[in-house]
Amino acid sequence: MPDLDVAVDRDHDLDRSGAPVPAAAPIPAADPGPAASPSEPEQPLAASPGLPAPSRDLLASAARELLAAAGTDDTGLRYARAHLSALRAAAAVLAARARPRGSRARLRSAWVLLAEVAPEMAEWAQFFAAGAGKRAAAEAGLRGVVTEREADDLVRDAEAFLARVARMLGVPHQPVLAAAS
C-alpha cells in the first residue's frame, strides 16, 4: 500500500483496556448542522456513495469514540477520547483527499497534512494540534493535566468538527451527542 504519511489506529471498537466501545448511532440522518463560516466555504468532496470505504469507516469510528468520550466520568480519558475522535475525523478527510507520496517522504502529523489537503480546515487542524500534548499526557494517566471544563469543551468541539468533516465529505450527519441523550 502506498505511504500516505499517516498511521491510523485500526482497533476502533475497543478502548485502551480492550473492552468493547458502545456503538454510536451511525452518522446517517440528514442534519446539515451549523452553516460554515465565510472563511470555511462548503466544498463537498462527493456524495456518500462515492466516498471511499476507509473514510466512511473512520467517520463511524470517530462517532463511536466521541460517544465513548461523552460517556466517561474520567476527565483525562474524556479529553483523550474526544481528541482521538477528532483525529479519526481528520483521518477520514486524509483518506478521501490525500495522495500518496514517494517512500522517502518524512512523517508528518495528521494535523499538518489536514491543513495541506483541506486548507479550509486549517484552523481546526491548528486547534487540535495544540491539544495533542495534553492528549498524550492524559493518555499516560497524568492527573490534573486537563480540567473538567477543558474535557467538556473538547467533547463539544470534537462534535462540531465531526459534523463539519461529514458535511465537507458530503455525508449526512446526525449529532452524535444529541442522539446519546
N, C-alpha and C. Protein backbone atom coordinates (compact mmCIF):
# COMPACT_ATOMS: atom_id res chain seq x y z
N MET A 1 0.85 -1.19 0.00
CA MET A 1 0.00 0.00 0.00
C MET A 1 0.89 1.24 0.00
N PRO A 2 0.54 2.30 -0.73
CA PRO A 2 1.36 3.50 -0.79
C PRO A 2 1.43 4.19 0.56
N ASP A 3 2.54 4.88 0.77
CA ASP A 3 2.76 5.62 2.00
C ASP A 3 1.97 6.93 1.97
N LEU A 4 1.07 7.12 2.93
CA LEU A 4 0.27 8.35 2.99
C LEU A 4 0.75 9.27 4.10
N ASP A 5 1.87 8.95 4.72
CA ASP A 5 2.44 9.76 5.80
C ASP A 5 1.55 9.78 7.03
N VAL A 6 0.63 8.84 7.18
CA VAL A 6 -0.29 8.85 8.31
C VAL A 6 -0.50 7.43 8.78
N ALA A 7 -0.49 7.25 10.08
CA ALA A 7 -0.84 5.95 10.64
C ALA A 7 -2.15 6.13 11.39
N VAL A 8 -3.07 5.21 11.20
CA VAL A 8 -4.38 5.30 11.84
C VAL A 8 -4.59 4.06 12.68
N ASP A 9 -5.03 4.24 13.90
CA ASP A 9 -5.33 3.14 14.79
C ASP A 9 -6.55 2.40 14.26
N ARG A 10 -6.40 1.12 13.96
CA ARG A 10 -7.49 0.34 13.40
C ARG A 10 -8.27 -0.41 14.47
N ASP A 11 -7.85 -0.40 15.74
CA ASP A 11 -8.60 -1.08 16.78
C ASP A 11 -9.66 -0.15 17.31
N HIS A 12 -10.58 0.25 16.43
CA HIS A 12 -11.52 1.30 16.77
C HIS A 12 -12.75 0.83 17.53
N ASP A 13 -12.88 -0.46 17.78
CA ASP A 13 -14.04 -0.93 18.51
C ASP A 13 -13.71 -1.32 19.94
N LEU A 14 -12.47 -1.10 20.36
CA LEU A 14 -12.04 -1.43 21.71
C LEU A 14 -11.44 -0.22 22.36
N ASP A 15 -11.64 -0.08 23.67
CA ASP A 15 -10.99 1.02 24.37
C ASP A 15 -9.58 0.57 24.75
N ARG A 16 -8.84 1.42 25.46
CA ARG A 16 -7.46 1.13 25.79
C ARG A 16 -7.30 -0.12 26.63
N SER A 17 -8.31 -0.48 27.42
CA SER A 17 -8.22 -1.67 28.25
C SER A 17 -8.65 -2.92 27.48
N GLY A 18 -9.09 -2.75 26.25
CA GLY A 18 -9.53 -3.88 25.44
C GLY A 18 -11.01 -4.16 25.53
N ALA A 19 -11.73 -3.35 26.33
CA ALA A 19 -13.17 -3.54 26.46
C ALA A 19 -13.89 -2.95 25.25
N PRO A 20 -15.00 -3.54 24.84
CA PRO A 20 -15.73 -3.01 23.68
C PRO A 20 -16.27 -1.61 23.96
N VAL A 21 -16.19 -0.77 22.93
CA VAL A 21 -16.75 0.57 23.00
C VAL A 21 -18.19 0.48 22.53
N PRO A 22 -19.14 1.07 23.27
CA PRO A 22 -20.53 1.01 22.81
C PRO A 22 -20.67 1.67 21.45
N ALA A 23 -21.43 1.05 20.61
CA ALA A 23 -21.62 1.58 19.25
C ALA A 23 -22.47 2.83 19.29
N ALA A 24 -22.02 3.83 18.59
CA ALA A 24 -22.79 5.07 18.46
C ALA A 24 -23.76 4.88 17.31
N ALA A 25 -24.77 5.70 17.33
CA ALA A 25 -25.66 5.69 16.16
C ALA A 25 -24.81 6.06 14.96
N PRO A 26 -24.97 5.37 13.85
CA PRO A 26 -24.18 5.74 12.68
C PRO A 26 -24.42 7.20 12.33
N ILE A 27 -23.74 7.70 11.38
CA ILE A 27 -23.81 9.11 11.02
C ILE A 27 -24.89 9.31 9.97
N PRO A 28 -26.03 8.65 10.02
CA PRO A 28 -26.92 8.62 8.88
C PRO A 28 -27.88 9.76 8.68
N ALA A 29 -28.43 10.37 9.71
CA ALA A 29 -29.52 11.32 9.49
C ALA A 29 -29.05 12.57 8.77
N ALA A 30 -29.97 13.34 8.28
CA ALA A 30 -29.61 14.47 7.41
C ALA A 30 -29.74 15.80 8.12
N ASP A 31 -28.93 16.04 9.13
CA ASP A 31 -28.90 17.34 9.77
C ASP A 31 -27.66 18.06 9.26
N PRO A 32 -27.82 19.12 8.48
CA PRO A 32 -26.65 19.77 7.93
C PRO A 32 -25.84 20.51 8.98
N GLY A 33 -26.37 20.69 10.17
CA GLY A 33 -25.61 21.36 11.23
C GLY A 33 -25.48 22.84 10.93
N PRO A 34 -24.66 23.53 11.72
CA PRO A 34 -24.50 24.96 11.51
C PRO A 34 -23.80 25.23 10.19
N ALA A 35 -24.15 26.36 9.60
CA ALA A 35 -23.55 26.74 8.32
C ALA A 35 -22.08 27.04 8.52
N ALA A 36 -21.31 26.84 7.49
CA ALA A 36 -19.88 27.14 7.56
C ALA A 36 -19.69 28.65 7.60
N SER A 37 -18.63 29.06 8.24
CA SER A 37 -18.33 30.49 8.28
C SER A 37 -17.82 30.91 6.91
N PRO A 38 -17.81 32.21 6.63
CA PRO A 38 -17.34 32.68 5.33
C PRO A 38 -15.91 32.23 5.04
N SER A 39 -15.08 32.05 6.09
CA SER A 39 -13.71 31.61 5.86
C SER A 39 -13.63 30.11 5.60
N GLU A 40 -14.74 29.39 5.78
CA GLU A 40 -14.76 27.95 5.54
C GLU A 40 -15.87 27.60 4.55
N PRO A 41 -15.67 27.87 3.27
CA PRO A 41 -16.73 27.57 2.30
C PRO A 41 -16.96 26.07 2.21
N GLU A 42 -18.21 25.69 1.97
CA GLU A 42 -18.54 24.28 1.81
C GLU A 42 -17.92 23.79 0.52
N GLN A 43 -17.23 22.66 0.60
CA GLN A 43 -16.63 22.05 -0.57
C GLN A 43 -16.87 20.55 -0.50
N PRO A 44 -18.08 20.10 -0.78
CA PRO A 44 -18.32 18.67 -0.70
C PRO A 44 -17.40 17.92 -1.65
N LEU A 45 -16.79 16.85 -1.15
CA LEU A 45 -15.90 16.05 -1.96
C LEU A 45 -16.71 15.16 -2.89
N ALA A 46 -17.70 14.52 -2.33
CA ALA A 46 -18.53 13.61 -3.13
C ALA A 46 -19.73 13.23 -2.29
N ALA A 47 -20.76 12.75 -2.93
CA ALA A 47 -21.89 12.20 -2.19
C ALA A 47 -21.38 10.95 -1.46
N SER A 48 -22.03 10.57 -0.39
CA SER A 48 -21.52 9.46 0.41
C SER A 48 -21.33 8.17 -0.36
N PRO A 49 -22.14 7.83 -1.39
CA PRO A 49 -21.85 6.58 -2.11
C PRO A 49 -20.48 6.59 -2.78
N GLY A 50 -19.96 7.75 -3.16
CA GLY A 50 -18.66 7.84 -3.80
C GLY A 50 -17.52 7.99 -2.82
N LEU A 51 -17.81 8.12 -1.56
CA LEU A 51 -16.78 8.29 -0.55
C LEU A 51 -16.06 6.96 -0.33
N PRO A 52 -14.73 6.98 -0.30
CA PRO A 52 -14.00 5.73 -0.08
C PRO A 52 -14.41 5.06 1.24
N ALA A 53 -14.46 3.74 1.21
CA ALA A 53 -14.84 2.98 2.40
C ALA A 53 -14.00 3.33 3.63
N PRO A 54 -12.68 3.52 3.50
CA PRO A 54 -11.91 3.90 4.70
C PRO A 54 -12.38 5.21 5.32
N SER A 55 -12.79 6.16 4.49
CA SER A 55 -13.30 7.43 5.03
C SER A 55 -14.59 7.21 5.81
N ARG A 56 -15.50 6.41 5.24
CA ARG A 56 -16.75 6.12 5.94
C ARG A 56 -16.47 5.39 7.25
N ASP A 57 -15.56 4.43 7.22
CA ASP A 57 -15.22 3.68 8.44
C ASP A 57 -14.62 4.60 9.50
N LEU A 58 -13.76 5.51 9.08
CA LEU A 58 -13.14 6.43 10.03
C LEU A 58 -14.16 7.40 10.62
N LEU A 59 -15.11 7.86 9.81
CA LEU A 59 -16.16 8.73 10.35
C LEU A 59 -17.00 7.99 11.38
N ALA A 60 -17.34 6.74 11.09
CA ALA A 60 -18.11 5.94 12.05
C ALA A 60 -17.30 5.71 13.32
N SER A 61 -16.02 5.45 13.17
CA SER A 61 -15.14 5.26 14.32
C SER A 61 -15.05 6.54 15.15
N ALA A 62 -14.97 7.67 14.48
CA ALA A 62 -14.92 8.96 15.18
C ALA A 62 -16.19 9.18 15.99
N ALA A 63 -17.33 8.81 15.41
CA ALA A 63 -18.61 8.96 16.13
C ALA A 63 -18.65 8.05 17.35
N ARG A 64 -18.17 6.80 17.20
CA ARG A 64 -18.15 5.88 18.35
C ARG A 64 -17.23 6.39 19.45
N GLU A 65 -16.08 6.91 19.05
CA GLU A 65 -15.12 7.41 20.04
C GLU A 65 -15.68 8.64 20.74
N LEU A 66 -16.39 9.49 20.02
CA LEU A 66 -17.00 10.68 20.63
C LEU A 66 -18.07 10.27 21.64
N LEU A 67 -18.86 9.29 21.29
CA LEU A 67 -19.88 8.79 22.21
C LEU A 67 -19.23 8.20 23.47
N ALA A 68 -18.15 7.47 23.28
CA ALA A 68 -17.44 6.92 24.43
C ALA A 68 -16.84 8.03 25.29
N ALA A 69 -16.33 9.08 24.65
CA ALA A 69 -15.78 10.21 25.41
C ALA A 69 -16.85 10.85 26.27
N ALA A 70 -18.00 11.07 25.68
CA ALA A 70 -19.09 11.72 26.41
C ALA A 70 -19.60 10.84 27.55
N GLY A 71 -19.40 9.53 27.44
CA GLY A 71 -19.92 8.62 28.44
C GLY A 71 -18.98 8.29 29.58
N THR A 72 -17.79 8.84 29.59
CA THR A 72 -16.86 8.54 30.68
C THR A 72 -16.80 9.67 31.70
N ASP A 73 -16.64 9.29 32.95
CA ASP A 73 -16.54 10.29 34.02
C ASP A 73 -15.10 10.75 34.25
N ASP A 74 -14.13 9.97 33.78
CA ASP A 74 -12.72 10.31 33.97
C ASP A 74 -12.37 11.48 33.04
N THR A 75 -11.98 12.61 33.63
CA THR A 75 -11.71 13.83 32.88
C THR A 75 -10.62 13.64 31.84
N GLY A 76 -9.51 13.05 32.23
CA GLY A 76 -8.40 12.84 31.29
C GLY A 76 -8.79 11.93 30.14
N LEU A 77 -9.50 10.85 30.46
CA LEU A 77 -9.94 9.92 29.43
C LEU A 77 -10.96 10.58 28.51
N ARG A 78 -11.84 11.40 29.06
CA ARG A 78 -12.83 12.11 28.23
C ARG A 78 -12.11 13.03 27.24
N TYR A 79 -11.10 13.75 27.71
CA TYR A 79 -10.33 14.65 26.84
C TYR A 79 -9.62 13.84 25.76
N ALA A 80 -8.94 12.77 26.17
CA ALA A 80 -8.17 11.95 25.22
C ALA A 80 -9.08 11.33 24.16
N ARG A 81 -10.22 10.83 24.58
CA ARG A 81 -11.13 10.19 23.62
C ARG A 81 -11.75 11.22 22.68
N ALA A 82 -12.06 12.39 23.17
CA ALA A 82 -12.60 13.44 22.30
C ALA A 82 -11.55 13.84 21.26
N HIS A 83 -10.31 13.96 21.69
CA HIS A 83 -9.23 14.31 20.77
C HIS A 83 -9.03 13.20 19.75
N LEU A 84 -9.09 11.96 20.19
CA LEU A 84 -8.96 10.82 19.28
C LEU A 84 -10.11 10.80 18.27
N SER A 85 -11.29 11.16 18.71
CA SER A 85 -12.43 11.25 17.79
C SER A 85 -12.13 12.26 16.68
N ALA A 86 -11.62 13.41 17.06
CA ALA A 86 -11.27 14.43 16.07
C ALA A 86 -10.16 13.94 15.15
N LEU A 87 -9.20 13.22 15.71
CA LEU A 87 -8.11 12.70 14.89
C LEU A 87 -8.63 11.71 13.85
N ARG A 88 -9.57 10.89 14.24
CA ARG A 88 -10.15 9.94 13.28
C ARG A 88 -10.97 10.66 12.21
N ALA A 89 -11.65 11.73 12.58
CA ALA A 89 -12.38 12.51 11.58
C ALA A 89 -11.39 13.14 10.60
N ALA A 90 -10.27 13.64 11.11
CA ALA A 90 -9.23 14.19 10.23
C ALA A 90 -8.69 13.11 9.31
N ALA A 91 -8.50 11.92 9.84
CA ALA A 91 -8.01 10.81 9.03
C ALA A 91 -9.00 10.46 7.92
N ALA A 92 -10.29 10.65 8.17
CA ALA A 92 -11.30 10.40 7.14
C ALA A 92 -11.10 11.36 5.96
N VAL A 93 -10.80 12.60 6.26
CA VAL A 93 -10.53 13.58 5.21
C VAL A 93 -9.26 13.17 4.45
N LEU A 94 -8.24 12.78 5.19
CA LEU A 94 -6.98 12.37 4.55
C LEU A 94 -7.19 11.14 3.66
N ALA A 95 -7.99 10.21 4.13
CA ALA A 95 -8.26 9.01 3.33
C ALA A 95 -8.99 9.36 2.04
N ALA A 96 -9.80 10.42 2.09
CA ALA A 96 -10.55 10.82 0.90
C ALA A 96 -9.74 11.71 -0.04
N ARG A 97 -8.86 12.53 0.51
CA ARG A 97 -8.19 13.55 -0.31
C ARG A 97 -6.69 13.38 -0.49
N ALA A 98 -6.01 12.75 0.45
CA ALA A 98 -4.55 12.68 0.38
C ALA A 98 -4.11 11.82 -0.80
N ARG A 99 -3.01 12.19 -1.38
CA ARG A 99 -2.43 11.44 -2.47
C ARG A 99 -1.09 10.88 -2.00
N PRO A 100 -0.80 9.65 -2.36
CA PRO A 100 0.45 9.02 -1.91
C PRO A 100 1.68 9.80 -2.38
N ARG A 101 2.71 9.76 -1.57
CA ARG A 101 3.99 10.37 -1.92
C ARG A 101 5.02 9.26 -2.04
N GLY A 102 6.16 9.63 -2.46
CA GLY A 102 7.25 8.67 -2.53
C GLY A 102 7.57 8.12 -1.15
N SER A 103 8.22 6.98 -1.12
CA SER A 103 8.50 6.32 0.15
C SER A 103 9.51 7.09 1.01
N ARG A 104 10.19 8.07 0.45
CA ARG A 104 11.17 8.84 1.23
C ARG A 104 10.57 10.06 1.91
N ALA A 105 9.29 10.27 1.77
CA ALA A 105 8.65 11.43 2.42
C ALA A 105 8.73 11.28 3.93
N ARG A 106 9.03 12.36 4.60
CA ARG A 106 9.12 12.30 6.06
C ARG A 106 7.72 12.24 6.67
N LEU A 107 7.63 11.61 7.82
CA LEU A 107 6.34 11.51 8.50
C LEU A 107 5.96 12.87 9.06
N ARG A 108 4.69 13.20 8.93
CA ARG A 108 4.17 14.46 9.46
C ARG A 108 2.88 14.19 10.19
N SER A 109 2.54 15.06 11.07
CA SER A 109 1.32 14.96 11.86
C SER A 109 0.09 14.97 10.95
N ALA A 110 -0.93 14.25 11.37
CA ALA A 110 -2.20 14.27 10.64
C ALA A 110 -2.74 15.70 10.56
N TRP A 111 -2.49 16.50 11.58
CA TRP A 111 -3.00 17.88 11.59
C TRP A 111 -2.29 18.72 10.54
N VAL A 112 -1.00 18.52 10.36
CA VAL A 112 -0.25 19.24 9.32
C VAL A 112 -0.77 18.82 7.95
N LEU A 113 -0.95 17.52 7.76
CA LEU A 113 -1.45 17.01 6.49
C LEU A 113 -2.87 17.51 6.21
N LEU A 114 -3.71 17.55 7.25
CA LEU A 114 -5.07 18.03 7.07
C LEU A 114 -5.08 19.46 6.52
N ALA A 115 -4.25 20.32 7.11
CA ALA A 115 -4.19 21.71 6.65
C ALA A 115 -3.72 21.80 5.20
N GLU A 116 -2.88 20.85 4.77
CA GLU A 116 -2.39 20.86 3.40
C GLU A 116 -3.44 20.36 2.40
N VAL A 117 -4.12 19.26 2.74
CA VAL A 117 -5.06 18.68 1.77
C VAL A 117 -6.44 19.32 1.84
N ALA A 118 -6.75 19.98 2.94
CA ALA A 118 -8.04 20.66 3.10
C ALA A 118 -7.78 22.01 3.78
N PRO A 119 -7.30 23.00 3.02
CA PRO A 119 -6.96 24.30 3.61
C PRO A 119 -8.11 24.93 4.39
N GLU A 120 -9.34 24.60 4.02
CA GLU A 120 -10.50 25.15 4.73
C GLU A 120 -10.59 24.62 6.15
N MET A 121 -9.80 23.60 6.47
CA MET A 121 -9.80 23.01 7.81
C MET A 121 -8.56 23.41 8.62
N ALA A 122 -7.78 24.36 8.11
CA ALA A 122 -6.51 24.73 8.75
C ALA A 122 -6.69 25.21 10.20
N GLU A 123 -7.73 26.00 10.45
CA GLU A 123 -7.94 26.48 11.83
C GLU A 123 -8.26 25.33 12.77
N TRP A 124 -9.09 24.40 12.31
CA TRP A 124 -9.39 23.22 13.12
C TRP A 124 -8.11 22.43 13.37
N ALA A 125 -7.30 22.26 12.33
CA ALA A 125 -6.06 21.49 12.45
C ALA A 125 -5.14 22.13 13.49
N GLN A 126 -5.02 23.45 13.45
CA GLN A 126 -4.20 24.16 14.43
C GLN A 126 -4.74 23.95 15.84
N PHE A 127 -6.04 24.06 15.98
CA PHE A 127 -6.67 23.91 17.28
C PHE A 127 -6.39 22.54 17.88
N PHE A 128 -6.63 21.48 17.10
CA PHE A 128 -6.44 20.14 17.64
C PHE A 128 -4.97 19.79 17.79
N ALA A 129 -4.11 20.31 16.93
CA ALA A 129 -2.67 20.08 17.08
C ALA A 129 -2.17 20.65 18.40
N ALA A 130 -2.72 21.79 18.78
CA ALA A 130 -2.32 22.42 20.03
C ALA A 130 -2.69 21.58 21.25
N GLY A 131 -3.70 20.72 21.13
CA GLY A 131 -4.11 19.88 22.25
C GLY A 131 -3.49 18.50 22.26
N ALA A 132 -2.63 18.20 21.29
CA ALA A 132 -2.04 16.86 21.19
C ALA A 132 -1.19 16.51 22.40
N GLY A 133 -0.46 17.46 22.91
CA GLY A 133 0.37 17.20 24.09
C GLY A 133 -0.46 16.87 25.31
N LYS A 134 -1.55 17.60 25.49
CA LYS A 134 -2.44 17.31 26.62
C LYS A 134 -3.07 15.93 26.45
N ARG A 135 -3.42 15.59 25.22
CA ARG A 135 -3.99 14.26 24.98
C ARG A 135 -2.98 13.19 25.39
N ALA A 136 -1.73 13.34 24.96
CA ALA A 136 -0.71 12.34 25.29
C ALA A 136 -0.52 12.23 26.80
N ALA A 137 -0.50 13.36 27.49
CA ALA A 137 -0.34 13.34 28.94
C ALA A 137 -1.55 12.69 29.61
N ALA A 138 -2.73 13.00 29.12
CA ALA A 138 -3.95 12.40 29.69
C ALA A 138 -3.96 10.89 29.45
N GLU A 139 -3.55 10.46 28.25
CA GLU A 139 -3.48 9.04 27.95
C GLU A 139 -2.45 8.33 28.82
N ALA A 140 -1.41 9.04 29.19
CA ALA A 140 -0.38 8.46 30.05
C ALA A 140 -0.85 8.36 31.51
N GLY A 141 -2.03 8.90 31.78
CA GLY A 141 -2.59 8.81 33.12
C GLY A 141 -2.18 9.90 34.08
N LEU A 142 -1.57 10.96 33.56
CA LEU A 142 -1.18 12.06 34.43
C LEU A 142 -2.43 12.80 34.91
N ARG A 143 -2.55 12.94 36.19
CA ARG A 143 -3.72 13.61 36.79
C ARG A 143 -3.53 15.12 36.77
N GLY A 144 -4.63 15.84 36.63
CA GLY A 144 -4.60 17.30 36.69
C GLY A 144 -4.10 17.96 35.41
N VAL A 145 -3.90 17.20 34.35
CA VAL A 145 -3.43 17.76 33.09
C VAL A 145 -4.52 18.58 32.43
N VAL A 146 -5.75 18.10 32.51
CA VAL A 146 -6.88 18.82 31.93
C VAL A 146 -7.95 19.00 33.00
N THR A 147 -8.67 20.10 32.88
CA THR A 147 -9.76 20.35 33.81
C THR A 147 -11.04 19.73 33.27
N GLU A 148 -12.01 19.64 34.12
CA GLU A 148 -13.32 19.14 33.70
C GLU A 148 -13.88 19.99 32.56
N ARG A 149 -13.73 21.29 32.69
CA ARG A 149 -14.23 22.20 31.66
C ARG A 149 -13.52 21.99 30.33
N GLU A 150 -12.19 21.84 30.37
CA GLU A 150 -11.45 21.60 29.12
C GLU A 150 -11.92 20.32 28.45
N ALA A 151 -12.14 19.28 29.24
CA ALA A 151 -12.59 18.00 28.68
C ALA A 151 -13.99 18.16 28.07
N ASP A 152 -14.88 18.81 28.78
CA ASP A 152 -16.24 19.01 28.26
C ASP A 152 -16.23 19.87 27.00
N ASP A 153 -15.41 20.92 27.01
CA ASP A 153 -15.31 21.78 25.84
C ASP A 153 -14.76 21.01 24.63
N LEU A 154 -13.77 20.16 24.87
CA LEU A 154 -13.19 19.41 23.77
C LEU A 154 -14.19 18.41 23.20
N VAL A 155 -15.02 17.82 24.03
CA VAL A 155 -16.06 16.92 23.53
C VAL A 155 -16.98 17.70 22.59
N ARG A 156 -17.40 18.89 22.99
CA ARG A 156 -18.27 19.69 22.13
C ARG A 156 -17.55 20.12 20.85
N ASP A 157 -16.27 20.50 20.98
CA ASP A 157 -15.51 20.90 19.80
C ASP A 157 -15.31 19.73 18.84
N ALA A 158 -15.05 18.55 19.38
CA ALA A 158 -14.90 17.37 18.53
C ALA A 158 -16.20 17.05 17.81
N GLU A 159 -17.32 17.24 18.47
CA GLU A 159 -18.63 17.04 17.84
C GLU A 159 -18.82 18.02 16.68
N ALA A 160 -18.48 19.29 16.90
CA ALA A 160 -18.61 20.29 15.84
C ALA A 160 -17.67 19.97 14.67
N PHE A 161 -16.47 19.51 14.99
CA PHE A 161 -15.50 19.16 13.95
C PHE A 161 -15.99 17.95 13.14
N LEU A 162 -16.50 16.95 13.82
CA LEU A 162 -17.03 15.77 13.14
C LEU A 162 -18.17 16.16 12.19
N ALA A 163 -19.05 17.03 12.64
CA ALA A 163 -20.16 17.50 11.79
C ALA A 163 -19.61 18.25 10.57
N ARG A 164 -18.61 19.07 10.79
CA ARG A 164 -18.00 19.85 9.69
C ARG A 164 -17.35 18.91 8.66
N VAL A 165 -16.63 17.90 9.15
CA VAL A 165 -15.99 16.94 8.26
C VAL A 165 -17.04 16.17 7.47
N ALA A 166 -18.08 15.72 8.14
CA ALA A 166 -19.13 14.97 7.45
C ALA A 166 -19.76 15.81 6.33
N ARG A 167 -20.07 17.08 6.63
CA ARG A 167 -20.64 17.96 5.61
C ARG A 167 -19.66 18.15 4.45
N MET A 168 -18.40 18.37 4.78
CA MET A 168 -17.40 18.60 3.75
C MET A 168 -17.26 17.39 2.83
N LEU A 169 -17.38 16.20 3.39
CA LEU A 169 -17.25 14.97 2.60
C LEU A 169 -18.57 14.55 1.95
N GLY A 170 -19.63 15.32 2.19
CA GLY A 170 -20.92 15.02 1.57
C GLY A 170 -21.68 13.90 2.24
N VAL A 171 -21.40 13.67 3.51
CA VAL A 171 -22.06 12.60 4.25
C VAL A 171 -23.12 13.20 5.17
N PRO A 172 -24.35 12.73 5.09
CA PRO A 172 -25.37 13.21 6.03
C PRO A 172 -24.91 12.94 7.46
N HIS A 173 -25.22 13.85 8.35
CA HIS A 173 -24.72 13.74 9.72
C HIS A 173 -25.82 14.04 10.73
N GLN A 174 -25.89 13.20 11.73
CA GLN A 174 -26.77 13.45 12.87
C GLN A 174 -25.86 13.65 14.07
N PRO A 175 -26.07 14.71 14.85
CA PRO A 175 -25.22 14.91 16.01
C PRO A 175 -25.16 13.67 16.88
N VAL A 176 -23.97 13.23 17.19
CA VAL A 176 -23.75 12.02 17.97
C VAL A 176 -24.22 12.22 19.41
N LEU A 177 -23.87 13.36 20.00
CA LEU A 177 -24.19 13.59 21.40
C LEU A 177 -25.68 13.79 21.62
N ALA A 178 -26.36 14.42 20.68
CA ALA A 178 -27.80 14.60 20.81
C ALA A 178 -28.50 13.26 20.74
N ALA A 179 -27.97 12.34 19.92
CA ALA A 179 -28.56 11.01 19.78
C ALA A 179 -28.36 10.19 21.05
N ALA A 180 -27.30 10.51 21.80
CA ALA A 180 -26.99 9.75 23.01
C ALA A 180 -27.81 10.23 24.20
N SER A 181 -28.35 11.42 24.14
CA SER A 181 -29.09 11.99 25.28
C SER A 181 -30.41 11.32 25.50
